Amino acid sequence: MAYADELDPAGSVLWFYAEDLRRRREAAGMTQRALASAAYMSPSMLNKIEAGKRLPTKDLSEVADREFGTEDHFQRLWRLVIRYAYPPWFRPFVDLEEAASAIRSFQVQVVPGLLQTEDYARAVLSAGRPDREALEEQVAARLERQRILTRDTPPELWIVLDENVLRRPMGSTDTMRNQLERLIEAAQTPSNVIQIVPYSAGGHAGVAGPFAALTLDEGPDVVYVDGFLQGQILADPADVKAATRAYDLLTAVALSPDQSIDLIADALKDHSS
């Protein structure tokens, strides 16, 4: 196991955070146990964070800034750590997503990342069988993306889901129940629209796979298309137009927002036994 004093802070943002946290804690004469207690985490977890083996938390970053008088240094650094937990090819999309004034998303297999609960996200991401450390980094990064939905001016969010998303179990019964309850809550939020394409609709314009269309206040609109190994961002007007047409066709065959909530509630019964 690598210890914090063996880390090269130039090696990664995570290692820089770990080395800087340890250095400032020791300069303040504070033990790991004391800092861990202040941040409501176990000393063993803090030890792993200072060794660059675990992602730091937002709460720890706030506590560190308060204890060490570093204003928002660790909080800002934490956001960089989270950003670099994403695969390099996905980072540009996260930046665009954060800048979007409207997000249109279609999913045929799973709930979109912006609306996933922590347990559901862990179940989805664990299907790829990453090691535990990588899994927890991916979960933390995915949850951080959701911050855009709680800001003062959240983007307009319009989600279309194939009914398959509601029926496919991910994780435990409790995980699915909590996730579907989260979907209903999101569907009742004024800035969001959620529609379900029922099985009875048969084939539809989204059979080629999931995608998301982003409306940007500055610059051209873009489309993100999921792929097997990595996604792709498309900015060609023809591609954006094709995605817009596909989305319009999907909303045309989907249930109304109210009917969609009813179908989610029906699926919730299936996962409550």
C-alpha atoms as a PDB file:
ATOM      1  CA  MET A   1       0.000   0.000   0.000  1.00  0.00           C
ATOM      2  CA  ALA A   2       1.284   3.459  -0.936  1.00  0.00           C
ATOM      3  CA  TYR A   3       1.332   6.031   1.829  1.00  0.00           C
ATOM      4  CA  ALA A   4       0.702   9.727   1.313  1.00  0.00           C
ATOM      5  CA  ASP A   5       4.378  10.655   1.736  1.00  0.00           C
ATOM      6  CA  GLU A   6       5.209   8.299  -1.154  1.00  0.00           C
ATOM      7  CA  LEU A   7       2.808   9.973  -3.570  1.00  0.00           C
ATOM      8  CA  ASP A   8       3.973  12.230  -6.354  1.00  0.00           C
ATOM      9  CA  PRO A   9       1.560  15.204  -6.160  1.00  0.00           C
ATOM     10  CA  ALA A  10       2.226  15.882  -9.820  1.00  0.00           C
ATOM     11  CA  GLY A  11       1.002  12.397 -10.714  1.00  0.00           C
ATOM     12  CA  SER A  12      -2.712  13.174 -10.533  1.00  0.00           C
ATOM     13  CA  VAL A  13      -5.205  15.615  -9.063  1.00  0.00           C
ATOM     14  CA  LEU A  14      -6.220  12.942  -6.558  1.00  0.00           C
ATOM     15  CA  TRP A  15      -2.627  12.521  -5.383  1.00  0.00           C
ATOM     16  CA  PHE A  16      -2.184  16.291  -5.135  1.00  0.00           C
ATOM     17  CA  TYR A  17      -5.308  16.506  -2.945  1.00  0.00           C
ATOM     18  CA  ALA A  18      -4.104  13.605  -0.769  1.00  0.00           C
ATOM     19  CA  GLU A  19      -0.593  15.042  -0.255  1.00  0.00           C
ATOM     20  CA  ASP A  20      -1.879  18.577   0.367  1.00  0.00           C
ATOM     21  CA  LEU A  21      -4.463  17.372   2.885  1.00  0.00           C
ATOM     22  CA  ARG A  22      -1.890  15.375   4.837  1.00  0.00           C
ATOM     23  CA  ARG A  23       0.644  18.215   4.751  1.00  0.00           C
ATOM     24  CA  ARG A  24      -1.811  20.830   6.006  1.00  0.00           C
ATOM     25  CA  ARG A  25      -3.237  18.503   8.650  1.00  0.00           C
ATOM     26  CA  GLU A  26       0.222  17.786  10.027  1.00  0.00           C
ATOM     27  CA  ALA A  27       1.148  21.488   9.919  1.00  0.00           C
ATOM     28  CA  ALA A  28      -1.967  22.215  11.995  1.00  0.00           C
ATOM     29  CA  GLY A  29      -0.927  19.563  14.542  1.00  0.00           C
ATOM     30  CA  MET A  30      -4.124  17.617  13.914  1.00  0.00           C
ATOM     31  CA  THR A  31      -4.277  13.842  14.025  1.00  0.00           C
ATOM     32  CA  GLN A  32      -5.990  11.717  11.430  1.00  0.00           C
ATOM     33  CA  ARG A  33      -8.449  10.578  14.073  1.00  0.00           C
ATOM     34  CA  ALA A  34      -9.381  14.163  14.962  1.00  0.00           C
ATOM     35  CA  LEU A  35      -9.931  15.197  11.346  1.00  0.00           C
ATOM     36  CA  ALA A  36     -11.864  12.020  10.624  1.00  0.00           C
ATOM     37  CA  SER A  37     -14.104  12.688  13.618  1.00  0.00           C
ATOM     38  CA  ALA A  38     -14.759  16.261  12.483  1.00  0.00           C
ATOM     39  CA  ALA A  39     -15.702  14.970   9.007  1.00  0.00           C
ATOM     40  CA  TYR A  40     -17.863  12.129  10.416  1.00  0.00           C
ATOM     41  CA  MET A  41     -15.826   9.386   8.757  1.00  0.00           C
ATOM     42  CA  SER A  42     -13.712   6.514  10.012  1.00  0.00           C
ATOM     43  CA  PRO A  43      -9.968   7.048  10.554  1.00  0.00           C
ATOM     44  CA  SER A  44      -9.303   4.136   8.193  1.00  0.00           C
ATOM     45  CA  MET A  45     -11.221   5.903   5.409  1.00  0.00           C
ATOM     46  CA  LEU A  46      -9.304   9.134   5.966  1.00  0.00           C
ATOM     47  CA  ASN A  47      -6.071   7.135   5.897  1.00  0.00           C
ATOM     48  CA  LYS A  48      -7.033   5.742   2.490  1.00  0.00           C
ATOM     49  CA  ILE A  49      -7.904   9.236   1.236  1.00  0.00           C
ATOM     50  CA  GLU A  50      -4.536  10.583   2.357  1.00  0.00           C
ATOM     51  CA  ALA A  51      -2.897   7.612   0.647  1.00  0.00           C
ATOM     52  CA  GLY A  52      -4.635   8.480  -2.622  1.00  0.00           C
ATOM     53  CA  LYS A  53      -6.637   5.235  -2.484  1.00  0.00           C
ATOM     54  CA  ARG A  54     -10.119   6.721  -2.093  1.00  0.00           C
ATOM     55  CA  LEU A  55     -11.896   9.771  -3.415  1.00  0.00           C
ATOM     56  CA  PRO A  56     -12.316  12.554  -0.864  1.00  0.00           C
ATOM     57  CA  THR A  57     -15.832  13.666   0.014  1.00  0.00           C
ATOM     58  CA  LYS A  58     -17.427  17.076  -0.253  1.00  0.00           C
ATOM     59  CA  ASP A  59     -17.992  17.106   3.524  1.00  0.00           C
ATOM     60  CA  LEU A  60     -14.326  16.375   4.201  1.00  0.00           C
ATOM     61  CA  SER A  61     -13.313  19.199   1.867  1.00  0.00           C
ATOM     62  CA  GLU A  62     -15.575  21.663   3.683  1.00  0.00           C
ATOM     63  CA  VAL A  63     -14.255  20.534   7.074  1.00  0.00           C
ATOM     64  CA  ALA A  64     -10.639  20.781   5.890  1.00  0.00           C
ATOM     65  CA  ASP A  65     -11.140  24.339   4.650  1.00  0.00           C
ATOM     66  CA  ARG A  66     -12.721  25.286   7.968  1.00  0.00           C
ATOM     67  CA  GLU A  67     -10.122  23.594  10.149  1.00  0.00           C
ATOM     68  CA  PHE A  68      -7.094  24.788   8.191  1.00  0.00           C
ATOM     69  CA  GLY A  69      -8.360  28.263   7.284  1.00  0.00           C
ATOM     70  CA  THR A  70      -7.933  27.621   3.565  1.00  0.00           C
ATOM     71  CA  GLU A  71     -11.150  29.399   2.449  1.00  0.00           C
ATOM     72  CA  ASP A  72     -12.530  27.156  -0.363  1.00  0.00           C
ATOM     73  CA  HIS A  73      -9.228  25.602  -1.443  1.00  0.00           C
ATOM     74  CA  PHE A  74     -10.128  21.962  -0.775  1.00  0.00           C
ATOM     75  CA  GLN A  75     -13.701  22.399  -1.990  1.00  0.00           C
ATOM     76  CA  ARG A  76     -12.465  23.681  -5.338  1.00  0.00           C
ATOM     77  CA  LEU A  77      -9.830  20.986  -5.503  1.00  0.00           C
ATOM     78  CA  TRP A  78     -12.464  18.350  -4.728  1.00  0.00           C
ATOM     79  CA  ARG A  79     -14.426  19.349  -7.825  1.00  0.00           C
ATOM     80  CA  LEU A  80     -11.305  18.791  -9.932  1.00  0.00           C
ATOM     81  CA  VAL A  81     -10.757  15.398  -8.317  1.00  0.00           C
ATOM     82  CA  ILE A  82     -14.323  14.395  -9.169  1.00  0.00           C
ATOM     83  CA  ARG A  83     -14.015  15.680 -12.729  1.00  0.00           C
ATOM     84  CA  TYR A  84     -10.924  13.604 -13.367  1.00  0.00           C
ATOM     85  CA  ALA A  85     -12.676  10.502 -12.059  1.00  0.00           C
ATOM     86  CA  TYR A  86     -14.552  10.498 -15.380  1.00  0.00           C
ATOM     87  CA  PRO A  87     -12.975   8.758 -18.368  1.00  0.00           C
ATOM     88  CA  PRO A  88     -11.077  11.318 -20.492  1.00  0.00           C
ATOM     89  CA  TRP A  89     -13.473  10.908 -23.415  1.00  0.00           C
ATOM     90  CA  PHE A  90     -16.483  11.692 -21.163  1.00  0.00           C
ATOM     91  CA  ARG A  91     -15.172  14.900 -19.558  1.00  0.00           C
ATOM     92  CA  PRO A  92     -16.116  17.199 -22.468  1.00  0.00           C
ATOM     93  CA  PHE A  93     -19.710  15.978 -22.262  1.00  0.00           C
ATOM     94  CA  VAL A  94     -19.857  16.669 -18.508  1.00  0.00           C
ATOM     95  CA  ASP A  95     -18.730  20.253 -19.171  1.00  0.00           C
ATOM     96  CA  LEU A  96     -21.344  20.674 -21.906  1.00  0.00           C
ATOM     97  CA  GLU A  97     -24.028  19.098 -19.721  1.00  0.00           C
ATOM     98  CA  GLU A  98     -23.261  21.585 -16.972  1.00  0.00           C
ATOM     99  CA  ALA A  99     -23.567  24.469 -19.448  1.00  0.00           C
ATOM    100  CA  ALA A 100     -26.792  23.215 -21.052  1.00  0.00           C
ATOM    101  CA  SER A 101     -30.040  25.122 -20.581  1.00  0.00           C
ATOM    102  CA  ALA A 102     -32.069  22.113 -21.727  1.00  0.00           C
ATOM    103  CA  ILE A 103     -31.308  18.386 -21.760  1.00  0.00           C
ATOM    104  CA  ARG A 104     -33.283  15.845 -23.768  1.00  0.00           C
ATOM    105  CA  SER A 105     -32.371  12.254 -22.972  1.00  0.00           C
ATOM    106  CA  PHE A 106     -33.563   8.873 -24.195  1.00  0.00           C
ATOM    107  CA  GLN A 107     -32.651   5.622 -22.471  1.00  0.00           C
ATOM    108  CA  VAL A 108     -33.653   2.095 -23.359  1.00  0.00           C
ATOM    109  CA  GLN A 109     -31.832   0.069 -20.655  1.00  0.00           C
ATOM    110  CA  VAL A 110     -31.199   2.130 -17.502  1.00  0.00           C
ATOM    111  CA  VAL A 111     -32.276   5.315 -15.751  1.00  0.00           C
ATOM    112  CA  PRO A 112     -30.148   8.267 -16.951  1.00  0.00           C
ATOM    113  CA  GLY A 113     -27.203   9.099 -14.697  1.00  0.00           C
ATOM    114  CA  LEU A 114     -28.697  12.473 -13.748  1.00  0.00           C
ATOM    115  CA  LEU A 115     -31.598  10.726 -12.004  1.00  0.00           C
ATOM    116  CA  GLN A 116     -29.899   7.646 -10.567  1.00  0.00           C
ATOM    117  CA  THR A 117     -29.884   7.017  -6.838  1.00  0.00           C
ATOM    118  CA  GLU A 118     -26.549   6.089  -5.282  1.00  0.00           C
ATOM    119  CA  ASP A 119     -27.445   2.402  -4.874  1.00  0.00           C
ATOM    120  CA  TYR A 120     -28.849   2.162  -8.401  1.00  0.00           C
ATOM    121  CA  ALA A 121     -25.754   3.843  -9.841  1.00  0.00           C
ATOM    122  CA  ARG A 122     -23.566   1.383  -7.948  1.00  0.00           C
ATOM    123  CA  ALA A 123     -25.600  -1.549  -9.298  1.00  0.00           C
ATOM    124  CA  VAL A 124     -25.368  -0.260 -12.886  1.00  0.00           C
ATOM    125  CA  LEU A 125     -21.666   0.517 -12.737  1.00  0.00           C
ATOM    126  CA  SER A 126     -20.776  -2.730 -10.973  1.00  0.00           C
ATOM    127  CA  ALA A 127     -22.150  -4.663 -13.954  1.00  0.00           C
ATOM    128  CA  GLY A 128     -18.902  -3.789 -15.714  1.00  0.00           C
ATOM    129  CA  ARG A 129     -17.024  -5.499 -12.855  1.00  0.00           C
ATOM    130  CA  PRO A 130     -14.567  -2.685 -12.015  1.00  0.00           C
ATOM    131  CA  ASP A 131     -12.428  -3.042  -8.896  1.00  0.00           C
ATOM    132  CA  ARG A 132     -13.955  -1.592  -5.737  1.00  0.00           C
ATOM    133  CA  GLU A 133     -11.850   1.550  -5.727  1.00  0.00           C
ATOM    134  CA  ALA A 134     -12.701   2.371  -9.336  1.00  0.00           C
ATOM    135  CA  LEU A 135     -16.377   1.610  -8.700  1.00  0.00           C
ATOM    136  CA  GLU A 136     -16.644   4.040  -5.792  1.00  0.00           C
ATOM    137  CA  GLU A 137     -14.881   6.735  -7.831  1.00  0.00           C
ATOM    138  CA  GLN A 138     -17.341   6.230 -10.681  1.00  0.00           C
ATOM    139  CA  VAL A 139     -20.336   6.355  -8.328  1.00  0.00           C
ATOM    140  CA  ALA A 140     -19.102   9.558  -6.675  1.00  0.00           C
ATOM    141  CA  ALA A 141     -18.482  11.170 -10.055  1.00  0.00           C
ATOM    142  CA  ARG A 142     -21.936  10.226 -11.320  1.00  0.00           C
ATOM    143  CA  LEU A 143     -23.650  11.668  -8.252  1.00  0.00           C
ATOM    144  CA  GLU A 144     -21.640  14.880  -8.593  1.00  0.00           C
ATOM    145  CA  ARG A 145     -23.108  15.383 -12.081  1.00  0.00           C
ATOM    146  CA  GLN A 146     -26.553  15.639 -10.478  1.00  0.00           C
ATOM    147  CA  ARG A 147     -25.558  18.881  -8.777  1.00  0.00           C
ATOM    148  CA  ILE A 148     -26.791  20.802 -11.833  1.00  0.00           C
ATOM    149  CA  LEU A 149     -30.373  19.803 -10.988  1.00  0.00           C
ATOM    150  CA  THR A 150     -30.295  21.526  -7.596  1.00  0.00           C
ATOM    151  CA  ARG A 151     -28.745  24.841  -8.621  1.00  0.00           C
ATOM    152  CA  ASP A 152     -30.812  28.047  -8.688  1.00  0.00           C
ATOM    153  CA  THR A 153     -31.424  27.739 -12.438  1.00  0.00           C
ATOM    154  CA  PRO A 154     -31.463  24.031 -13.273  1.00  0.00           C
ATOM    155  CA  PRO A 155     -31.637  22.950 -16.911  1.00  0.00           C
ATOM    156  CA  GLU A 156     -34.960  21.924 -18.361  1.00  0.00           C
ATOM    157  CA  LEU A 157     -34.858  18.141 -18.240  1.00  0.00           C
ATOM    158  CA  TRP A 158     -36.956  16.009 -20.578  1.00  0.00           C
ATOM    159  CA  ILE A 159     -36.452  12.271 -20.222  1.00  0.00           C
ATOM    160  CA  VAL A 160     -37.987   9.566 -22.403  1.00  0.00           C
ATOM    161  CA  LEU A 161     -37.552   6.007 -21.155  1.00  0.00           C
ATOM    162  CA  ASP A 162     -38.388   2.701 -22.731  1.00  0.00           C
ATOM    163  CA  GLU A 163     -40.654   0.702 -20.390  1.00  0.00           C
ATOM    164  CA  ASN A 164     -37.827  -1.808 -20.230  1.00  0.00           C
ATOM    165  CA  VAL A 165     -35.992   0.606 -17.891  1.00  0.00           C
ATOM    166  CA  LEU A 166     -38.767   0.268 -15.318  1.00  0.00           C
ATOM    167  CA  ARG A 167     -38.996  -3.511 -15.518  1.00  0.00           C
ATOM    168  CA  ARG A 168     -35.314  -4.476 -15.583  1.00  0.00           C
ATOM    169  CA  PRO A 169     -34.134  -5.133 -12.001  1.00  0.00           C
ATOM    170  CA  MET A 170     -30.902  -3.406 -11.038  1.00  0.00           C
ATOM    171  CA  GLY A 171     -29.576  -4.342  -7.626  1.00  0.00           C
ATOM    172  CA  SER A 172     -31.910  -5.301  -4.804  1.00  0.00           C
ATOM    173  CA  THR A 173     -35.663  -4.845  -4.529  1.00  0.00           C
ATOM    174  CA  ASP A 174     -35.044  -1.870  -2.234  1.00  0.00           C
ATOM    175  CA  THR A 175     -32.689  -0.367  -4.809  1.00  0.00           C
ATOM    176  CA  MET A 176     -35.318  -0.556  -7.553  1.00  0.00           C
ATOM    177  CA  ARG A 177     -38.086   0.682  -5.310  1.00  0.00           C
ATOM    178  CA  ASN A 178     -36.076   3.713  -4.217  1.00  0.00           C
ATOM    179  CA  GLN A 179     -35.048   4.412  -7.800  1.00  0.00           C
ATOM    180  CA  LEU A 180     -38.599   4.338  -9.106  1.00  0.00           C
ATOM    181  CA  GLU A 181     -39.724   6.574  -6.258  1.00  0.00           C
ATOM    182  CA  ARG A 182     -36.938   8.958  -7.279  1.00  0.00           C
ATOM    183  CA  LEU A 183     -38.274   8.929 -10.837  1.00  0.00           C
ATOM    184  CA  ILE A 184     -41.774   9.810  -9.661  1.00  0.00           C
ATOM    185  CA  GLU A 185     -40.385  12.626  -7.539  1.00  0.00           C
ATOM    186  CA  ALA A 186     -38.405  13.937 -10.500  1.00  0.00           C
ATOM    187  CA  ALA A 187     -41.440  13.682 -12.782  1.00  0.00           C
ATOM    188  CA  GLN A 188     -43.405  15.886 -10.383  1.00  0.00           C
ATOM    189  CA  THR A 189     -40.737  18.609 -10.430  1.00  0.00           C
ATOM    190  CA  PRO A 190     -41.847  21.563 -12.633  1.00  0.00           C
ATOM    191  CA  SER A 191     -38.557  21.816 -14.562  1.00  0.00           C
ATOM    192  CA  ASN A 192     -38.683  18.130 -15.536  1.00  0.00           C
ATOM    193  CA  VAL A 193     -40.757  16.050 -17.929  1.00  0.00           C
ATOM    194  CA  ILE A 194     -40.584  12.257 -17.903  1.00  0.00           C
ATOM    195  CA  GLN A 195     -42.356  10.103 -20.471  1.00  0.00           C
ATOM    196  CA  ILE A 196     -42.392   6.347 -20.894  1.00  0.00           C
ATOM    197  CA  VAL A 197     -42.585   4.521 -24.211  1.00  0.00           C
ATOM    198  CA  PRO A 198     -44.729   1.489 -23.305  1.00  0.00           C
ATOM    199  CA  TYR A 199     -44.184  -1.998 -24.652  1.00  0.00           C
ATOM    200  CA  SER A 200     -47.466  -1.603 -26.532  1.00  0.00           C
ATOM    201  CA  ALA A 201     -45.848   1.037 -28.767  1.00  0.00           C
ATOM    202  CA  GLY A 202     -43.798  -1.681 -30.443  1.00  0.00           C
ATOM    203  CA  GLY A 203     -40.807  -0.506 -32.483  1.00  0.00           C
ATOM    204  CA  HIS A 204     -39.841   3.133 -32.088  1.00  0.00           C
ATOM    205  CA  ALA A 205     -37.325   5.751 -33.217  1.00  0.00           C
ATOM    206  CA  GLY A 206     -34.965   4.944 -30.356  1.00  0.00           C
ATOM    207  CA  VAL A 207     -34.261   1.304 -31.158  1.00  0.00           C
ATOM    208  CA  ALA A 208     -30.771   2.272 -32.366  1.00  0.00           C
ATOM    209  CA  GLY A 209     -29.772   3.134 -28.806  1.00  0.00           C
ATOM    210  CA  PRO A 210     -29.671   5.839 -26.117  1.00  0.00           C
ATOM    211  CA  PHE A 211     -28.717   9.443 -26.774  1.00  0.00           C
ATOM    212  CA  ALA A 212     -28.916  12.897 -25.232  1.00  0.00           C
ATOM    213  CA  ALA A 213     -29.400  16.251 -26.950  1.00  0.00           C
ATOM    214  CA  LEU A 214     -28.103  19.380 -25.220  1.00  0.00           C
ATOM    215  CA  THR A 215     -29.343  22.914 -25.858  1.00  0.00           C
ATOM    216  CA  LEU A 216     -26.619  25.471 -25.155  1.00  0.00           C
ATOM    217  CA  ASP A 217     -27.065  29.212 -24.671  1.00  0.00           C
ATOM    218  CA  GLU A 218     -23.701  29.766 -26.350  1.00  0.00           C
ATOM    219  CA  GLY A 219     -22.446  27.646 -29.227  1.00  0.00           C
ATOM    220  CA  PRO A 220     -24.203  25.005 -31.319  1.00  0.00           C
ATOM    221  CA  ASP A 221     -26.417  22.347 -29.820  1.00  0.00           C
ATOM    222  CA  VAL A 222     -24.806  18.916 -29.495  1.00  0.00           C
ATOM    223  CA  VAL A 223     -25.829  15.273 -29.289  1.00  0.00           C
ATOM    224  CA  TYR A 224     -24.188  12.607 -27.164  1.00  0.00           C
ATOM    225  CA  VAL A 225     -24.525   9.022 -28.385  1.00  0.00           C
ATOM    226  CA  ASP A 226     -23.640   6.095 -26.132  1.00  0.00           C
ATOM    227  CA  GLY A 227     -21.326   3.426 -27.478  1.00  0.00           C
ATOM    228  CA  PHE A 228     -19.977   0.068 -26.351  1.00  0.00           C
ATOM    229  CA  LEU A 229     -16.551   1.291 -25.241  1.00  0.00           C
ATOM    230  CA  GLN A 230     -17.113   5.041 -25.198  1.00  0.00           C
ATOM    231  CA  GLY A 231     -19.638   7.649 -26.194  1.00  0.00           C
ATOM    232  CA  GLN A 232     -19.395  10.228 -28.960  1.00  0.00           C
ATOM    233  CA  ILE A 233     -20.284  13.918 -29.059  1.00  0.00           C
ATOM    234  CA  LEU A 234     -21.799  15.083 -32.348  1.00  0.00           C
ATOM    235  CA  ALA A 235     -22.098  18.755 -33.278  1.00  0.00           C
ATOM    236  CA  ASP A 236     -22.824  18.491 -37.005  1.00  0.00           C
ATOM    237  CA  PRO A 237     -26.174  20.264 -37.649  1.00  0.00           C
ATOM    238  CA  ALA A 238     -27.386  17.271 -39.655  1.00  0.00           C
ATOM    239  CA  ASP A 239     -26.745  14.930 -36.729  1.00  0.00           C
ATOM    240  CA  VAL A 240     -28.443  17.292 -34.283  1.00  0.00           C
ATOM    241  CA  LYS A 241     -31.442  17.595 -36.617  1.00  0.00           C
ATOM    242  CA  ALA A 242     -31.700  13.802 -36.923  1.00  0.00           C
ATOM    243  CA  ALA A 243     -31.577  13.413 -33.133  1.00  0.00           C
ATOM    244  CA  THR A 244     -34.230  16.098 -32.694  1.00  0.00           C
ATOM    245  CA  ARG A 245     -36.512  14.328 -35.145  1.00  0.00           C
ATOM    246  CA  ALA A 246     -35.970  10.999 -33.406  1.00  0.00           C
ATOM    247  CA  TYR A 247     -36.767  12.587 -30.070  1.00  0.00           C
ATOM    248  CA  ASP A 248     -39.943  14.175 -31.425  1.00  0.00           C
ATOM    249  CA  LEU A 249     -41.057  10.776 -32.725  1.00  0.00           C
ATOM    250  CA  LEU A 250     -40.324   9.200 -29.347  1.00  0.00           C
ATOM    251  CA  THR A 251     -42.385  11.772 -27.456  1.00  0.00           C
ATOM    252  CA  ALA A 252     -45.204  11.236 -29.956  1.00  0.00           C
ATOM    253  CA  VAL A 253     -45.509   7.511 -29.162  1.00  0.00           C
ATOM    254  CA  ALA A 254     -44.746   7.865 -25.440  1.00  0.00           C
ATOM    255  CA  LEU A 255     -47.392   8.094 -22.759  1.00  0.00           C
ATOM    256  CA  SER A 256     -48.339  11.522 -21.464  1.00  0.00           C
ATOM    257  CA  PRO A 257     -46.438  12.748 -18.381  1.00  0.00           C
ATOM    258  CA  ASP A 258     -49.346  11.864 -16.083  1.00  0.00           C
ATOM    259  CA  GLN A 259     -49.840   8.456 -17.672  1.00  0.00           C
ATOM    260  CA  SER A 260     -46.104   7.886 -17.411  1.00  0.00           C
ATOM    261  CA  ILE A 261     -46.177   8.529 -13.671  1.00  0.00           C
ATOM    262  CA  ASP A 262     -48.977   5.971 -13.416  1.00  0.00           C
ATOM    263  CA  LEU A 263     -46.881   3.402 -15.280  1.00  0.00           C
ATOM    264  CA  ILE A 264     -43.876   4.064 -13.050  1.00  0.00           C
ATOM    265  CA  ALA A 265     -46.137   3.584 -10.025  1.00  0.00           C
ATOM    266  CA  ASP A 266     -47.364   0.309 -11.548  1.00  0.00           C
ATOM    267  CA  ALA A 267     -43.784  -0.889 -11.999  1.00  0.00           C
ATOM    268  CA  LEU A 268     -43.085   0.152  -8.432  1.00  0.00           C
ATOM    269  CA  LYS A 269     -45.639  -2.437  -7.265  1.00  0.00           C
ATOM    270  CA  ASP A 270     -43.727  -5.148  -9.133  1.00  0.00           C
ATOM    271  CA  HIS A 271     -40.556  -4.233  -7.219  1.00  0.00           C
ATOM    272  CA  SER A 272     -42.231  -3.929  -3.813  1.00  0.00           C
ATOM    273  CA  SER A 273     -42.920  -7.590  -3.157  1.00  0.00           C
END
